[in-house]
Protein backbone atom coordinates (compact mmCIF):
# COMPACT_ATOMS: atom_id res chain seq x y z
CA MET A 1 -1.54 -21.14 -7.25
CA GLY A 2 1.80 -20.12 -8.70
CA ASN A 3 5.44 -21.09 -8.49
CA LEU A 4 8.36 -18.70 -8.46
CA GLN A 5 12.05 -19.37 -8.92
CA ILE A 6 13.98 -16.89 -6.78
CA ASP A 7 17.60 -16.09 -7.59
CA VAL A 8 18.77 -13.19 -5.48
CA LEU A 9 21.76 -12.26 -3.32
CA GLY A 10 23.63 -15.44 -4.12
CA THR A 11 20.85 -17.83 -3.18
CA SER A 12 18.35 -19.73 -5.23
CA PHE A 13 15.11 -21.53 -4.37
CA THR A 14 11.56 -22.07 -5.58
CA ILE A 15 8.40 -21.12 -3.75
CA ARG A 16 4.73 -21.97 -4.23
CA ALA A 17 2.11 -19.41 -3.24
CA ASN A 18 -1.61 -18.79 -3.55
CA GLU A 19 -0.99 -16.01 -6.08
CA ASP A 20 -0.49 -16.49 -9.81
CA SER A 21 3.01 -16.66 -11.29
CA VAL A 22 2.72 -13.31 -13.11
CA TYR A 23 1.96 -11.51 -9.84
CA LEU A 24 4.77 -13.31 -8.01
CA THR A 25 7.22 -12.36 -10.78
CA LYS A 26 6.21 -8.70 -10.42
CA LEU A 27 6.78 -8.89 -6.65
CA LEU A 28 10.20 -10.43 -7.14
CA GLY A 29 11.07 -7.77 -9.70
CA TYR A 30 10.13 -5.02 -7.26
CA TYR A 31 12.18 -6.67 -4.51
CA LYS A 32 15.17 -7.03 -6.83
CA ARG A 33 14.98 -3.31 -7.69
CA ILE A 34 15.12 -2.44 -3.99
CA VAL A 35 18.05 -4.83 -3.47
CA SER A 36 19.84 -3.36 -6.48
CA GLU A 37 19.44 0.18 -5.17
CA ILE A 38 20.93 -0.87 -1.83
CA GLU A 39 23.80 -2.72 -3.52
CA ASN A 40 24.51 0.26 -5.78
CA SER A 41 24.66 2.62 -2.82
CA GLY A 42 27.80 0.73 -1.80
CA SER A 43 27.09 1.05 1.91
CA LEU A 44 26.51 -2.68 2.45
CA LYS A 45 28.15 -5.77 0.97
CA ASP A 46 26.84 -8.62 3.14
CA PRO A 47 23.83 -10.32 1.46
CA LEU A 48 22.04 -10.83 4.79
CA GLN A 49 22.39 -7.16 5.70
CA ILE A 50 21.21 -6.15 2.22
CA SER A 51 18.16 -8.42 2.48
CA ILE A 52 17.31 -7.08 5.94
CA LEU A 53 17.59 -3.48 4.75
CA ALA A 54 15.47 -4.32 1.70
CA GLY A 55 12.83 -5.81 4.01
CA ILE A 56 12.86 -2.70 6.21
CA THR A 57 12.60 -0.49 3.13
CA LEU A 58 9.57 -2.44 1.92
CA CYS A 59 7.99 -2.25 5.40
CA ASP A 60 8.54 1.51 5.34
CA ASP A 61 6.82 1.74 1.94
CA LEU A 62 3.90 -0.33 3.22
CA TYR A 63 3.57 1.66 6.45
CA LYS A 64 3.56 4.97 4.58
CA GLU A 65 1.01 3.68 2.07
CA LYS A 66 -1.25 2.49 4.88
CA GLY A 67 -1.03 5.98 6.40
CA ARG A 68 -1.99 7.60 3.09
CA ASN A 69 -4.86 5.14 2.71
CA ALA A 70 -6.13 5.90 6.23
CA LYS A 71 -6.05 9.65 5.50
CA PHE A 72 -7.96 9.06 2.27
CA GLN A 73 -10.57 6.91 4.06
CA ASN A 74 -10.97 9.59 6.74
CA ALA A 75 -11.48 12.25 4.08
CA LEU A 76 -14.13 10.09 2.38
CA GLU A 77 -15.91 9.53 5.68
CA ARG A 78 -15.84 13.26 6.51
CA ASN A 79 -17.19 14.03 3.04
CA SER A 80 -19.98 11.51 3.55
CA THR A 81 -20.81 13.06 6.94
CA ASP A 82 -20.78 16.55 5.39
CA LYS A 83 -23.21 15.44 2.67
CA GLU A 84 -25.55 13.90 5.23
CA ALA A 85 -25.48 17.10 7.30
CA GLU A 86 -26.23 19.10 4.15
CA ARG A 87 -29.16 16.84 3.29
CA ILE A 88 -30.63 17.17 6.79
CA THR A 89 -30.15 20.95 6.76
CA LYS A 90 -31.93 21.29 3.43
CA ALA A 91 -34.81 19.14 4.68
CA LEU A 92 -35.15 21.30 7.79
CA ILE A 93 -35.10 24.50 5.73
CA GLU A 94 -37.87 23.11 3.53
CA LYS A 95 -39.96 22.27 6.60
CA ILE A 96 -39.42 25.76 8.02
CA ASP A 97 -40.37 27.32 4.66
CA GLN A 98 -43.56 25.23 4.54
CA ALA A 99 -44.43 26.17 8.12
CA LEU A 100 -43.99 29.89 7.37
CA LYS A 101 -46.30 29.82 4.32
């Protein structure tokens, strides 16, 4: 269990989570980078709006990553099915060869 001191967008508080402090610090660093990019774009100034847009940006990243992961899993499953079909085909060819001898 870890603790994390959060200082972002003019607010400060501490959280406790089931993850270790090193991991939580990395998460906060990633969030702060997203917030900084939004702040530097100059399109928003209100901290609440910036935090909402940062949250949406992170959700977008997660959603895209889940899509890539699903495509990868599907490719692995197809490959596994292809290998099984190849194994069965080879076994059938061997049986046919033995029957023809």
